Amino acid sequence: MNWMTLLVRIGIFLIILLIGFLLGPATRNVIEKMARNAQDKGVYTFMGSMASNSIKLIAFIIALSSIGVDTTVLVGAFSALGVGLSLALKNNMANVASGMQILLTRPFKVGDYISVAGTQQMYEGTCTAIEIMYTSLVTYDNTMIIVPNSTLIENVVTNYSDKPYRRMVITIPVALQTDTALACREFAAVASAVPNVLTAPAVSCILNGYNADGTAAVLKLYAYATFDNYWNVLYGINNAIQVRRKELGIDQPQTSVRITEPVQPESADDNQK
């Protein structure tokens, strides 16, 4: 083999690699663009990531065959290497399997706001992508969190976007001298008038125990409160109740201290008198 032939093969090798490493990300971008109007975008992001890595690997094998490398031996070597890597990188393989399980069982999808109880802390945010090995979450303060897929499978995941209607329980402390029947009736009425609060089932208000300082009125209601407007509904209810309790003069519980003078014992002279 002369130098010219060797240079040509090296050139072909580099060109095939370049095409593969350009075509892989391009294919991924095309697949992700197809997901813009899809209901479950996680499937597309997972497929895009898988397609990109597969194209790069195929391009690498073809490039090696172009310079005379026996690809059958290479495939066998990759198979043996794959077994070794699977044992060494079992956590990564678990993430891949977990990603596939997420796409099949669909406990959440791209766009849902979720929280997952990790081994050390709670992860919470809007799902933006489900990749081969990890899932991306954007927190409420616009911070990106990368969560391994195995963490999402092995721990409890709360999907706040799955149900549009939420049950809300609000505790309102009141003083002991409060007319509790009037307070509960008024609190339930103002809460029912807040936008997005459901009238069926009706808002209920009950007393929840006593202590030395006061008692508590507990509102129980259902509201159309997706993650986007949940806090607006809650703040609206709290504000309406605060305005009404000021109008009615309902006080907060206050700790009271009673001071008494000790009784002086009678002296012997007093007894004789």
C-alpha atoms as a PDB file:
ATOM      1  CA  MET A   1       0.000   0.000   0.000  1.00  0.00           C
ATOM      2  CA  ASN A   2       1.488   3.310  -1.102  1.00  0.00           C
ATOM      3  CA  TRP A   3       1.205   6.591   0.711  1.00  0.00           C
ATOM      4  CA  MET A   4      -1.437   7.924  -1.656  1.00  0.00           C
ATOM      5  CA  THR A   5      -3.760   4.977  -1.014  1.00  0.00           C
ATOM      6  CA  LEU A   6      -3.201   5.315   2.727  1.00  0.00           C
ATOM      7  CA  LEU A   7      -4.027   9.027   2.658  1.00  0.00           C
ATOM      8  CA  VAL A   8      -7.183   8.348   0.642  1.00  0.00           C
ATOM      9  CA  ARG A   9      -8.353   5.750   3.143  1.00  0.00           C
ATOM     10  CA  ILE A  10      -7.619   8.043   6.062  1.00  0.00           C
ATOM     11  CA  GLY A  11      -9.542  10.786   4.287  1.00  0.00           C
ATOM     12  CA  ILE A  12     -12.507   8.471   3.719  1.00  0.00           C
ATOM     13  CA  PHE A  13     -12.294   7.392   7.377  1.00  0.00           C
ATOM     14  CA  LEU A  14     -12.451  10.995   8.575  1.00  0.00           C
ATOM     15  CA  ILE A  15     -15.223  11.931   6.151  1.00  0.00           C
ATOM     16  CA  ILE A  16     -17.411   9.012   7.298  1.00  0.00           C
ATOM     17  CA  LEU A  17     -16.794   9.944  10.919  1.00  0.00           C
ATOM     18  CA  LEU A  18     -17.639  13.574  10.178  1.00  0.00           C
ATOM     19  CA  ILE A  19     -20.846  12.592   8.393  1.00  0.00           C
ATOM     20  CA  GLY A  20     -21.867  10.309  11.257  1.00  0.00           C
ATOM     21  CA  PHE A  21     -21.164  12.872  13.968  1.00  0.00           C
ATOM     22  CA  LEU A  22     -23.052  15.533  12.002  1.00  0.00           C
ATOM     23  CA  LEU A  23     -25.922  13.285  10.925  1.00  0.00           C
ATOM     24  CA  GLY A  24     -26.519  11.953  14.452  1.00  0.00           C
ATOM     25  CA  PRO A  25     -27.289  15.316  16.116  1.00  0.00           C
ATOM     26  CA  ALA A  26     -29.157  16.466  12.990  1.00  0.00           C
ATOM     27  CA  THR A  27     -31.410  13.403  13.170  1.00  0.00           C
ATOM     28  CA  ARG A  28     -31.986  14.093  16.830  1.00  0.00           C
ATOM     29  CA  ASN A  29     -33.000  17.682  16.092  1.00  0.00           C
ATOM     30  CA  VAL A  30     -35.434  16.525  13.392  1.00  0.00           C
ATOM     31  CA  ILE A  31     -37.065  14.020  15.758  1.00  0.00           C
ATOM     32  CA  GLU A  32     -37.348  16.616  18.535  1.00  0.00           C
ATOM     33  CA  LYS A  33     -38.919  19.116  16.105  1.00  0.00           C
ATOM     34  CA  MET A  34     -41.542  16.490  15.309  1.00  0.00           C
ATOM     35  CA  ALA A  35     -42.397  16.487  19.042  1.00  0.00           C
ATOM     36  CA  ARG A  36     -43.481  20.132  19.145  1.00  0.00           C
ATOM     37  CA  ASN A  37     -47.133  19.291  18.589  1.00  0.00           C
ATOM     38  CA  ALA A  38     -47.000  15.825  20.155  1.00  0.00           C
ATOM     39  CA  GLN A  39     -48.801  15.077  23.397  1.00  0.00           C
ATOM     40  CA  ASP A  40     -45.967  12.992  24.834  1.00  0.00           C
ATOM     41  CA  LYS A  41     -42.695  14.693  23.948  1.00  0.00           C
ATOM     42  CA  GLY A  42     -40.652  12.393  26.181  1.00  0.00           C
ATOM     43  CA  VAL A  43     -40.870   9.569  23.627  1.00  0.00           C
ATOM     44  CA  TYR A  44     -39.399  11.799  20.934  1.00  0.00           C
ATOM     45  CA  THR A  45     -36.553  13.117  23.083  1.00  0.00           C
ATOM     46  CA  PHE A  46     -35.674   9.548  24.086  1.00  0.00           C
ATOM     47  CA  MET A  47     -35.813   8.353  20.465  1.00  0.00           C
ATOM     48  CA  GLY A  48     -33.737  11.316  19.333  1.00  0.00           C
ATOM     49  CA  SER A  49     -31.036  10.610  21.878  1.00  0.00           C
ATOM     50  CA  MET A  50     -30.992   6.921  20.973  1.00  0.00           C
ATOM     51  CA  ALA A  51     -30.880   7.621  17.219  1.00  0.00           C
ATOM     52  CA  SER A  52     -28.015  10.099  17.570  1.00  0.00           C
ATOM     53  CA  ASN A  53     -25.833   7.678  19.536  1.00  0.00           C
ATOM     54  CA  SER A  54     -26.682   4.762  17.213  1.00  0.00           C
ATOM     55  CA  ILE A  55     -25.765   6.718  14.066  1.00  0.00           C
ATOM     56  CA  LYS A  56     -22.442   7.739  15.579  1.00  0.00           C
ATOM     57  CA  LEU A  57     -21.634   4.129  16.479  1.00  0.00           C
ATOM     58  CA  ILE A  58     -22.590   2.838  13.008  1.00  0.00           C
ATOM     59  CA  ALA A  59     -20.514   5.564  11.353  1.00  0.00           C
ATOM     60  CA  PHE A  60     -17.533   4.595  13.488  1.00  0.00           C
ATOM     61  CA  ILE A  61     -17.832   0.917  12.470  1.00  0.00           C
ATOM     62  CA  ILE A  62     -18.202   1.802   8.757  1.00  0.00           C
ATOM     63  CA  ALA A  63     -15.247   4.173   8.977  1.00  0.00           C
ATOM     64  CA  LEU A  64     -13.076   1.437  10.439  1.00  0.00           C
ATOM     65  CA  SER A  65     -14.113  -0.971   7.686  1.00  0.00           C
ATOM     66  CA  SER A  66     -13.092   1.628   5.078  1.00  0.00           C
ATOM     67  CA  ILE A  67      -9.475   1.436   6.214  1.00  0.00           C
ATOM     68  CA  GLY A  68      -9.422  -2.348   6.113  1.00  0.00           C
ATOM     69  CA  VAL A  69     -10.382  -3.275   9.652  1.00  0.00           C
ATOM     70  CA  ASP A  70     -12.309  -6.554   9.853  1.00  0.00           C
ATOM     71  CA  THR A  71     -15.675  -5.394  11.181  1.00  0.00           C
ATOM     72  CA  THR A  72     -16.774  -8.948  12.096  1.00  0.00           C
ATOM     73  CA  VAL A  73     -13.924  -9.109  14.548  1.00  0.00           C
ATOM     74  CA  LEU A  74     -14.785  -5.583  15.629  1.00  0.00           C
ATOM     75  CA  VAL A  75     -18.437  -6.486  16.229  1.00  0.00           C
ATOM     76  CA  GLY A  76     -17.354  -9.494  18.276  1.00  0.00           C
ATOM     77  CA  ALA A  77     -14.986  -7.321  20.237  1.00  0.00           C
ATOM     78  CA  PHE A  78     -17.744  -4.798  20.818  1.00  0.00           C
ATOM     79  CA  SER A  79     -20.021  -7.594  22.025  1.00  0.00           C
ATOM     80  CA  ALA A  80     -17.434  -8.793  24.523  1.00  0.00           C
ATOM     81  CA  LEU A  81     -16.701  -5.224  25.472  1.00  0.00           C
ATOM     82  CA  GLY A  82     -20.415  -4.583  25.860  1.00  0.00           C
ATOM     83  CA  VAL A  83     -20.736  -7.425  28.371  1.00  0.00           C
ATOM     84  CA  GLY A  84     -17.815  -6.051  30.360  1.00  0.00           C
ATOM     85  CA  LEU A  85     -19.139  -2.532  30.209  1.00  0.00           C
ATOM     86  CA  SER A  86     -22.600  -3.718  31.226  1.00  0.00           C
ATOM     87  CA  LEU A  87     -21.121  -5.194  34.386  1.00  0.00           C
ATOM     88  CA  ALA A  88     -18.908  -2.183  35.051  1.00  0.00           C
ATOM     89  CA  LEU A  89     -21.581   0.360  34.194  1.00  0.00           C
ATOM     90  CA  LYS A  90     -24.590  -1.437  35.628  1.00  0.00           C
ATOM     91  CA  ASN A  91     -25.900   1.813  37.119  1.00  0.00           C
ATOM     92  CA  ASN A  92     -25.881   3.455  33.689  1.00  0.00           C
ATOM     93  CA  MET A  93     -27.616   0.445  32.162  1.00  0.00           C
ATOM     94  CA  ALA A  94     -30.199   0.693  34.936  1.00  0.00           C
ATOM     95  CA  ASN A  95     -30.776   4.306  33.924  1.00  0.00           C
ATOM     96  CA  VAL A  96     -31.330   3.252  30.293  1.00  0.00           C
ATOM     97  CA  ALA A  97     -33.775   0.519  31.324  1.00  0.00           C
ATOM     98  CA  SER A  98     -35.521   2.957  33.657  1.00  0.00           C
ATOM     99  CA  GLY A  99     -35.863   5.485  30.839  1.00  0.00           C
ATOM    100  CA  MET A 100     -37.571   2.891  28.676  1.00  0.00           C
ATOM    101  CA  GLN A 101     -39.858   1.964  31.579  1.00  0.00           C
ATOM    102  CA  ILE A 102     -40.827   5.619  32.057  1.00  0.00           C
ATOM    103  CA  LEU A 103     -41.797   5.866  28.396  1.00  0.00           C
ATOM    104  CA  LEU A 104     -43.812   2.637  28.529  1.00  0.00           C
ATOM    105  CA  THR A 105     -45.642   3.195  31.821  1.00  0.00           C
ATOM    106  CA  ARG A 106     -45.874   7.007  31.424  1.00  0.00           C
ATOM    107  CA  PRO A 107     -46.111   8.064  35.095  1.00  0.00           C
ATOM    108  CA  PHE A 108     -45.385  11.563  33.787  1.00  0.00           C
ATOM    109  CA  LYS A 109     -44.623  13.241  30.490  1.00  0.00           C
ATOM    110  CA  VAL A 110     -42.719  16.256  29.206  1.00  0.00           C
ATOM    111  CA  GLY A 111     -44.408  19.399  30.507  1.00  0.00           C
ATOM    112  CA  ASP A 112     -45.629  17.853  33.791  1.00  0.00           C
ATOM    113  CA  TYR A 113     -44.581  19.339  37.120  1.00  0.00           C
ATOM    114  CA  ILE A 114     -43.304  16.508  39.318  1.00  0.00           C
ATOM    115  CA  SER A 115     -41.407  15.886  42.521  1.00  0.00           C
ATOM    116  CA  VAL A 116     -39.333  12.820  43.363  1.00  0.00           C
ATOM    117  CA  ALA A 117     -38.130  11.811  46.812  1.00  0.00           C
ATOM    118  CA  GLY A 118     -34.423  11.133  46.312  1.00  0.00           C
ATOM    119  CA  THR A 119     -32.192   9.316  48.784  1.00  0.00           C
ATOM    120  CA  GLN A 120     -30.897  12.586  50.232  1.00  0.00           C
ATOM    121  CA  GLN A 121     -33.278  15.318  49.094  1.00  0.00           C
ATOM    122  CA  MET A 122     -36.460  16.110  47.189  1.00  0.00           C
ATOM    123  CA  TYR A 123     -36.211  16.979  43.490  1.00  0.00           C
ATOM    124  CA  GLU A 124     -39.016  19.071  42.036  1.00  0.00           C
ATOM    125  CA  GLY A 125     -39.629  20.837  38.726  1.00  0.00           C
ATOM    126  CA  THR A 126     -41.191  20.807  35.268  1.00  0.00           C
ATOM    127  CA  CYS A 127     -40.063  17.908  33.075  1.00  0.00           C
ATOM    128  CA  THR A 128     -38.414  19.292  29.931  1.00  0.00           C
ATOM    129  CA  ALA A 129     -36.801  16.155  28.463  1.00  0.00           C
ATOM    130  CA  ILE A 130     -36.593  12.396  29.027  1.00  0.00           C
ATOM    131  CA  GLU A 131     -33.203  11.229  27.767  1.00  0.00           C
ATOM    132  CA  ILE A 132     -31.645   7.759  27.584  1.00  0.00           C
ATOM    133  CA  MET A 133     -30.006   7.996  31.006  1.00  0.00           C
ATOM    134  CA  TYR A 134     -31.532  10.995  32.738  1.00  0.00           C
ATOM    135  CA  THR A 135     -34.549  13.296  32.911  1.00  0.00           C
ATOM    136  CA  SER A 136     -34.266  17.085  32.942  1.00  0.00           C
ATOM    137  CA  LEU A 137     -36.350  19.178  35.347  1.00  0.00           C
ATOM    138  CA  VAL A 138     -36.634  22.966  35.529  1.00  0.00           C
ATOM    139  CA  THR A 139     -37.406  24.195  39.030  1.00  0.00           C
ATOM    140  CA  TYR A 140     -39.816  26.961  39.998  1.00  0.00           C
ATOM    141  CA  ASP A 141     -36.881  29.394  40.225  1.00  0.00           C
ATOM    142  CA  ASN A 142     -35.693  28.421  36.700  1.00  0.00           C
ATOM    143  CA  THR A 143     -32.857  26.079  37.684  1.00  0.00           C
ATOM    144  CA  MET A 144     -32.059  22.961  35.669  1.00  0.00           C
ATOM    145  CA  ILE A 145     -31.931  19.646  37.572  1.00  0.00           C
ATOM    146  CA  ILE A 146     -30.601  16.453  35.971  1.00  0.00           C
ATOM    147  CA  VAL A 147     -32.169  13.394  37.640  1.00  0.00           C
ATOM    148  CA  PRO A 148     -31.008   9.830  36.796  1.00  0.00           C
ATOM    149  CA  ASN A 149     -33.857   7.772  35.397  1.00  0.00           C
ATOM    150  CA  SER A 150     -33.284   5.035  37.978  1.00  0.00           C
ATOM    151  CA  THR A 151     -34.002   7.569  40.741  1.00  0.00           C
ATOM    152  CA  LEU A 152     -37.387   8.266  39.178  1.00  0.00           C
ATOM    153  CA  ILE A 153     -38.236   4.565  39.046  1.00  0.00           C
ATOM    154  CA  GLU A 154     -36.943   3.553  42.463  1.00  0.00           C
ATOM    155  CA  ASN A 155     -38.526   6.405  44.441  1.00  0.00           C
ATOM    156  CA  VAL A 156     -41.975   7.914  44.923  1.00  0.00           C
ATOM    157  CA  VAL A 157     -42.870  10.409  42.181  1.00  0.00           C
ATOM    158  CA  THR A 158     -45.651  12.964  42.669  1.00  0.00           C
ATOM    159  CA  ASN A 159     -47.209  14.292  39.463  1.00  0.00           C
ATOM    160  CA  TYR A 160     -48.863  17.636  40.197  1.00  0.00           C
ATOM    161  CA  SER A 161     -50.043  18.078  36.605  1.00  0.00           C
ATOM    162  CA  ASP A 162     -51.945  14.817  36.226  1.00  0.00           C
ATOM    163  CA  LYS A 163     -55.182  16.001  37.866  1.00  0.00           C
ATOM    164  CA  PRO A 164     -56.621  19.444  37.079  1.00  0.00           C
ATOM    165  CA  TYR A 165     -58.711  19.497  40.262  1.00  0.00           C
ATOM    166  CA  ARG A 166     -57.028  19.673  43.656  1.00  0.00           C
ATOM    167  CA  ARG A 167     -58.337  19.267  47.194  1.00  0.00           C
ATOM    168  CA  MET A 168     -57.201  22.097  49.434  1.00  0.00           C
ATOM    169  CA  VAL A 169     -57.233  22.205  53.240  1.00  0.00           C
ATOM    170  CA  ILE A 170     -56.694  25.608  54.870  1.00  0.00           C
ATOM    171  CA  THR A 171     -56.390  26.058  58.649  1.00  0.00           C
ATOM    172  CA  ILE A 172     -57.532  29.412  60.118  1.00  0.00           C
ATOM    173  CA  PRO A 173     -56.629  30.005  63.788  1.00  0.00           C
ATOM    174  CA  VAL A 174     -59.251  31.964  65.758  1.00  0.00           C
ATOM    175  CA  ALA A 175     -59.546  33.157  69.358  1.00  0.00           C
ATOM    176  CA  LEU A 176     -61.528  31.236  71.965  1.00  0.00           C
ATOM    177  CA  GLN A 177     -64.208  33.931  72.312  1.00  0.00           C
ATOM    178  CA  THR A 178     -65.005  33.763  68.579  1.00  0.00           C
ATOM    179  CA  ASP A 179     -68.502  32.819  67.449  1.00  0.00           C
ATOM    180  CA  THR A 180     -67.258  29.723  65.605  1.00  0.00           C
ATOM    181  CA  ALA A 181     -70.557  29.000  63.865  1.00  0.00           C
ATOM    182  CA  LEU A 182     -70.571  32.499  62.355  1.00  0.00           C
ATOM    183  CA  ALA A 183     -66.889  32.322  61.485  1.00  0.00           C
ATOM    184  CA  CYS A 184     -67.179  28.972  59.682  1.00  0.00           C
ATOM    185  CA  ARG A 185     -70.261  30.109  57.786  1.00  0.00           C
ATOM    186  CA  GLU A 186     -68.574  33.320  56.618  1.00  0.00           C
ATOM    187  CA  PHE A 187     -65.247  31.675  55.768  1.00  0.00           C
ATOM    188  CA  ALA A 188     -66.985  29.042  53.636  1.00  0.00           C
ATOM    189  CA  ALA A 189     -69.002  31.732  51.849  1.00  0.00           C
ATOM    190  CA  VAL A 190     -66.013  33.901  50.912  1.00  0.00           C
ATOM    191  CA  ALA A 191     -63.964  30.869  49.828  1.00  0.00           C
ATOM    192  CA  SER A 192     -66.795  29.706  47.558  1.00  0.00           C
ATOM    193  CA  ALA A 193     -66.769  33.092  45.800  1.00  0.00           C
ATOM    194  CA  VAL A 194     -63.070  32.859  44.862  1.00  0.00           C
ATOM    195  CA  PRO A 195     -62.548  32.108  41.133  1.00  0.00           C
ATOM    196  CA  ASN A 196     -61.797  28.446  40.272  1.00  0.00           C
ATOM    197  CA  VAL A 197     -63.184  27.139  43.601  1.00  0.00           C
ATOM    198  CA  LEU A 198     -65.782  24.431  42.925  1.00  0.00           C
ATOM    199  CA  THR A 199     -69.264  24.731  44.365  1.00  0.00           C
ATOM    200  CA  ALA A 200     -69.876  20.981  44.035  1.00  0.00           C
ATOM    201  CA  PRO A 201     -68.783  19.440  46.272  1.00  0.00           C
ATOM    202  CA  ALA A 202     -69.516  22.424  48.478  1.00  0.00           C
ATOM    203  CA  VAL A 203     -66.893  24.137  50.605  1.00  0.00           C
ATOM    204  CA  SER A 204     -66.986  22.866  54.185  1.00  0.00           C
ATOM    205  CA  CYS A 205     -65.664  24.428  57.378  1.00  0.00           C
ATOM    206  CA  ILE A 206     -65.183  22.544  60.643  1.00  0.00           C
ATOM    207  CA  LEU A 207     -63.500  23.088  64.001  1.00  0.00           C
ATOM    208  CA  ASN A 208     -60.311  21.196  64.608  1.00  0.00           C
ATOM    209  CA  GLY A 209     -59.639  20.985  68.328  1.00  0.00           C
ATOM    210  CA  TYR A 210     -58.931  23.472  71.082  1.00  0.00           C
ATOM    211  CA  ASN A 211     -55.935  24.639  73.037  1.00  0.00           C
ATOM    212  CA  ALA A 212     -55.282  27.150  75.815  1.00  0.00           C
ATOM    213  CA  ASP A 213     -55.076  30.079  73.385  1.00  0.00           C
ATOM    214  CA  GLY A 214     -57.780  29.406  70.817  1.00  0.00           C
ATOM    215  CA  THR A 215     -59.143  27.027  68.231  1.00  0.00           C
ATOM    216  CA  ALA A 216     -58.867  26.481  64.494  1.00  0.00           C
ATOM    217  CA  ALA A 217     -61.415  26.615  61.688  1.00  0.00           C
ATOM    218  CA  VAL A 218     -60.475  24.220  58.882  1.00  0.00           C
ATOM    219  CA  LEU A 219     -61.666  24.862  55.326  1.00  0.00           C
ATOM    220  CA  LYS A 220     -61.938  21.881  52.989  1.00  0.00           C
ATOM    221  CA  LEU A 221     -62.640  22.509  49.324  1.00  0.00           C
ATOM    222  CA  TYR A 222     -61.938  21.454  45.754  1.00  0.00           C
ATOM    223  CA  ALA A 223     -60.610  23.838  43.142  1.00  0.00           C
ATOM    224  CA  TYR A 224     -59.569  23.865  39.517  1.00  0.00           C
ATOM    225  CA  ALA A 225     -55.934  24.380  40.424  1.00  0.00           C
ATOM    226  CA  THR A 226     -53.360  23.177  37.938  1.00  0.00           C
ATOM    227  CA  PHE A 227     -49.750  23.856  38.805  1.00  0.00           C
ATOM    228  CA  ASP A 228     -49.844  27.128  36.851  1.00  0.00           C
ATOM    229  CA  ASN A 229     -52.680  28.635  38.902  1.00  0.00           C
ATOM    230  CA  TYR A 230     -52.601  26.637  42.160  1.00  0.00           C
ATOM    231  CA  TRP A 231     -50.841  29.378  44.104  1.00  0.00           C
ATOM    232  CA  ASN A 232     -53.105  32.078  42.676  1.00  0.00           C
ATOM    233  CA  VAL A 233     -56.147  30.174  43.939  1.00  0.00           C
ATOM    234  CA  LEU A 234     -54.586  29.619  47.375  1.00  0.00           C
ATOM    235  CA  TYR A 235     -53.516  33.249  47.741  1.00  0.00           C
ATOM    236  CA  GLY A 236     -56.949  34.404  46.587  1.00  0.00           C
ATOM    237  CA  ILE A 237     -58.661  32.317  49.282  1.00  0.00           C
ATOM    238  CA  ASN A 238     -56.266  33.496  52.003  1.00  0.00           C
ATOM    239  CA  ASN A 239     -56.725  37.131  51.016  1.00  0.00           C
ATOM    240  CA  ALA A 240     -60.545  36.863  50.931  1.00  0.00           C
ATOM    241  CA  ILE A 241     -60.613  35.222  54.366  1.00  0.00           C
ATOM    242  CA  GLN A 242     -58.297  37.837  55.860  1.00  0.00           C
ATOM    243  CA  VAL A 243     -60.471  40.681  54.553  1.00  0.00           C
ATOM    244  CA  ARG A 244     -63.615  39.036  55.935  1.00  0.00           C
ATOM    245  CA  ARG A 245     -62.154  38.268  59.340  1.00  0.00           C
ATOM    246  CA  LYS A 246     -61.157  41.921  59.708  1.00  0.00           C
ATOM    247  CA  GLU A 247     -64.699  42.981  58.832  1.00  0.00           C
ATOM    248  CA  LEU A 248     -66.130  40.623  61.453  1.00  0.00           C
ATOM    249  CA  GLY A 249     -63.496  41.486  64.053  1.00  0.00           C
ATOM    250  CA  ILE A 250     -62.334  37.891  64.445  1.00  0.00           C
ATOM    251  CA  ASP A 251     -59.071  37.890  66.366  1.00  0.00           C
ATOM    252  CA  GLN A 252     -56.100  35.577  66.172  1.00  0.00           C
ATOM    253  CA  PRO A 253     -55.428  33.336  69.178  1.00  0.00           C
ATOM    254  CA  GLN A 254     -53.316  35.111  71.763  1.00  0.00           C
ATOM    255  CA  THR A 255     -51.421  33.675  74.663  1.00  0.00           C
ATOM    256  CA  SER A 256     -52.770  35.080  77.918  1.00  0.00           C
ATOM    257  CA  VAL A 257     -50.913  35.114  81.210  1.00  0.00           C
ATOM    258  CA  ARG A 258     -52.787  35.398  84.525  1.00  0.00           C
ATOM    259  CA  ILE A 259     -50.841  36.692  87.515  1.00  0.00           C
ATOM    260  CA  THR A 260     -52.252  36.222  91.031  1.00  0.00           C
ATOM    261  CA  GLU A 261     -50.842  37.266  94.388  1.00  0.00           C
ATOM    262  CA  PRO A 262     -49.998  34.432  96.759  1.00  0.00           C
ATOM    263  CA  VAL A 263     -52.241  34.103  99.814  1.00  0.00           C
ATOM    264  CA  GLN A 264     -50.394  35.058 102.983  1.00  0.00           C
ATOM    265  CA  PRO A 265     -50.759  32.565 105.852  1.00  0.00           C
ATOM    266  CA  GLU A 266     -52.524  33.843 108.982  1.00  0.00           C
ATOM    267  CA  SER A 267     -50.241  34.655 111.919  1.00  0.00           C
ATOM    268  CA  ALA A 268     -50.773  33.464 115.517  1.00  0.00           C
ATOM    269  CA  ASP A 269     -51.645  37.007 116.614  1.00  0.00           C
ATOM    270  CA  ASP A 270     -54.403  37.146 114.006  1.00  0.00           C
ATOM    271  CA  ASN A 271     -55.860  33.903 115.304  1.00  0.00           C
ATOM    272  CA  GLN A 272     -55.979  35.225 118.845  1.00  0.00           C
ATOM    273  CA  LYS A 273     -57.889  38.250 117.682  1.00  0.00           C
END
